[in-house]
Amino acid sequence: MIDHENNNRGLTDTSEALKLAESTDLDLVIVSESKDTPVAKILDYGKHQYQQKKRQHASSKTTVKEVRLRPNIGESDYSLRVNRAIEWLKKGDSVKFQVRLRGREHQNRERAIDLLDRIAVDLAQTGKVQSLDKRSLIVQMIPG
């Protein structure tokens, strides 16, 4: 058993541990269940739950980086944005590519769709396609 001051008390009777927890107005919580002897700790259970949720939320947080392109993007600009996206994917972030059309570019929609397909192929080694929306010209990549 571990008391409220993080001192290891060794093997302690359950009733004695409960009395000690009640005397400090805290809870007796089993921290790890092993086959031989479980490890119990005296602590505030509400605070313990809050900190576990906080840790879990922080670890599950992923950011979405957004890259906007035009269908007639230059080769050097394209490679720069793809390389940046590869770095983000390696770091664990997901990347969203959006091709924006203006004016007469709407007539050559196939060019934008080809660009999205090219992005998916170029990033296939470091990520995988989560969604590919050819109607709104968006491809979302996740690390993989």
Protein backbone atom coordinates (compact mmCIF):
# COMPACT_ATOMS: atom_id res chain seq x y z
CA MET A 1 0.00 0.00 0.00
CA ILE A 2 1.11 3.55 -0.75
CA ASP A 3 -0.14 6.25 1.59
CA HIS A 4 -1.25 9.81 0.78
CA GLU A 5 2.33 11.13 1.12
CA ASN A 6 3.63 8.58 -1.46
CA ASN A 7 5.37 6.50 1.21
CA ASN A 8 5.43 2.77 0.55
CA ARG A 9 3.89 1.04 3.57
CA GLY A 10 4.41 -2.48 2.25
CA LEU A 11 1.82 -5.19 2.88
CA THR A 12 -1.06 -3.79 4.91
CA ASP A 13 -4.34 -5.31 6.02
CA THR A 14 -7.34 -4.03 4.02
CA SER A 15 -9.29 -2.88 7.08
CA GLU A 16 -6.27 -1.01 8.41
CA ALA A 17 -5.76 0.66 5.00
CA LEU A 18 -9.43 1.70 4.88
CA LYS A 19 -9.18 3.22 8.39
CA LEU A 20 -6.11 5.19 7.35
CA ALA A 21 -7.88 6.44 4.21
CA GLU A 22 -10.94 7.50 6.22
CA SER A 23 -8.80 9.35 8.74
CA THR A 24 -7.30 11.49 5.95
CA ASP A 25 -10.69 11.96 4.15
CA LEU A 26 -9.34 10.27 1.02
CA ASP A 27 -10.15 7.09 -0.91
CA LEU A 28 -8.38 3.73 -1.09
CA VAL A 29 -7.86 2.94 -4.80
CA ILE A 30 -6.34 -0.17 -6.36
CA VAL A 31 -3.73 1.19 -8.78
CA SER A 32 -2.54 -2.09 -10.30
CA GLU A 33 -3.99 -5.55 -9.92
CA SER A 34 -1.33 -8.20 -9.84
CA LYS A 35 -2.04 -11.90 -9.21
CA ASP A 36 -0.18 -12.06 -5.89
CA THR A 37 -0.79 -8.72 -4.20
CA PRO A 38 -2.61 -5.71 -5.67
CA VAL A 39 -1.11 -2.28 -5.18
CA ALA A 40 -3.44 0.17 -3.46
CA LYS A 41 -2.95 3.87 -2.96
CA ILE A 42 -4.64 6.45 -0.75
CA LEU A 43 -5.69 9.41 -2.90
CA ASP A 44 -8.60 11.61 -3.96
CA TYR A 45 -10.44 9.42 -6.48
CA GLY A 46 -12.23 12.33 -8.21
CA LYS A 47 -8.93 14.10 -8.81
CA HIS A 48 -7.39 10.83 -10.02
CA GLN A 49 -10.18 10.33 -12.58
CA TYR A 50 -9.89 13.94 -13.77
CA GLN A 51 -6.15 13.61 -14.36
CA GLN A 52 -6.58 10.31 -16.23
CA LYS A 53 -9.15 11.89 -18.55
CA LYS A 54 -6.89 14.88 -19.04
CA ARG A 55 -3.95 12.62 -19.99
CA GLN A 56 -6.09 10.57 -22.33
CA HIS A 57 -7.46 13.69 -24.03
CA ALA A 58 -3.98 15.13 -24.49
CA SER A 59 -2.67 11.95 -26.06
CA SER A 60 -5.58 11.60 -28.47
CA LYS A 61 -5.33 15.15 -29.73
CA THR A 62 -4.32 15.27 -33.39
CA THR A 63 -4.08 18.40 -35.43
CA VAL A 64 -5.20 18.79 -39.01
CA LYS A 65 -2.86 20.81 -41.18
CA GLU A 66 -4.47 22.37 -44.23
CA VAL A 67 -2.82 22.97 -47.59
CA ARG A 68 -4.60 24.94 -50.31
CA LEU A 69 -3.58 24.52 -53.91
CA ARG A 70 -4.54 25.80 -57.34
CA PRO A 71 -4.86 23.40 -60.28
CA ASN A 72 -2.05 25.09 -62.24
CA ILE A 73 0.53 24.97 -59.42
CA GLY A 74 4.20 25.05 -60.38
CA GLU A 75 6.35 21.96 -59.92
CA SER A 76 8.62 23.52 -57.27
CA ASP A 77 5.66 24.80 -55.24
CA TYR A 78 4.02 21.39 -55.48
CA SER A 79 7.13 19.55 -54.27
CA LEU A 80 7.59 22.06 -51.42
CA ARG A 81 4.04 21.50 -50.17
CA VAL A 82 4.24 17.72 -50.52
CA ASN A 83 7.54 17.63 -48.60
CA ARG A 84 6.03 19.75 -45.83
CA ALA A 85 3.04 17.40 -45.70
CA ILE A 86 5.39 14.41 -45.40
CA GLU A 87 7.03 16.04 -42.36
CA TRP A 88 3.62 16.66 -40.77
CA LEU A 89 2.52 13.08 -41.40
CA LYS A 90 5.73 11.72 -39.85
CA LYS A 91 5.09 13.92 -36.81
CA GLY A 92 1.62 12.38 -36.44
CA ASP A 93 -0.59 15.16 -37.78
CA SER A 94 -3.17 14.64 -40.49
CA VAL A 95 -3.06 16.78 -43.63
CA LYS A 96 -5.96 18.13 -45.67
CA PHE A 97 -5.35 19.22 -49.25
CA GLN A 98 -7.89 21.47 -50.92
CA VAL A 99 -7.79 22.51 -54.56
CA ARG A 100 -9.49 25.86 -55.14
CA LEU A 101 -10.86 26.82 -58.51
CA ARG A 102 -11.52 30.38 -59.70
CA GLY A 103 -13.29 31.71 -62.75
CA ARG A 104 -12.57 29.73 -65.88
CA GLU A 105 -10.68 27.09 -63.92
CA HIS A 106 -14.07 25.47 -63.23
CA GLN A 107 -14.14 24.32 -66.85
CA ASN A 108 -11.01 22.18 -66.31
CA ARG A 109 -12.17 20.36 -63.18
CA GLU A 110 -10.46 17.14 -64.34
CA ARG A 111 -7.08 18.82 -63.89
CA ALA A 112 -7.84 19.45 -60.23
CA ILE A 113 -9.01 15.85 -59.75
CA ASP A 114 -5.78 14.60 -61.35
CA LEU A 115 -3.82 16.80 -58.93
CA LEU A 116 -5.63 15.22 -55.95
CA ASP A 117 -4.88 11.73 -57.28
CA ARG A 118 -1.22 12.69 -57.73
CA ILE A 119 -1.06 13.93 -54.13
CA ALA A 120 -2.52 10.65 -52.87
CA VAL A 121 0.05 8.66 -54.85
CA ASP A 122 2.99 10.84 -53.76
CA LEU A 123 2.06 10.59 -50.07
CA ALA A 124 1.20 6.87 -50.13
CA GLN A 125 4.50 5.90 -48.44
CA THR A 126 4.06 8.08 -45.34
CA GLY A 127 0.29 8.30 -45.06
CA LYS A 128 -2.97 6.84 -46.22
CA VAL A 129 -6.06 8.48 -47.65
CA GLN A 130 -8.77 9.01 -45.07
CA SER A 131 -11.19 10.68 -47.46
CA LEU A 132 -11.14 11.75 -51.08
CA ASP A 133 -13.96 14.07 -52.08
CA LYS A 134 -13.78 14.78 -55.80
CA ARG A 135 -16.87 16.95 -55.69
CA SER A 136 -15.44 19.54 -53.27
CA LEU A 137 -11.84 18.76 -54.37
CA ILE A 138 -10.51 17.73 -50.95
CA VAL A 139 -8.23 14.86 -49.98
CA GLN A 140 -7.44 14.14 -46.31
CA MET A 141 -4.38 12.08 -45.41
CA ILE A 142 -3.67 10.45 -42.05
CA PRO A 143 -0.37 9.03 -40.80
CA GLY A 144 0.04 5.40 -41.60
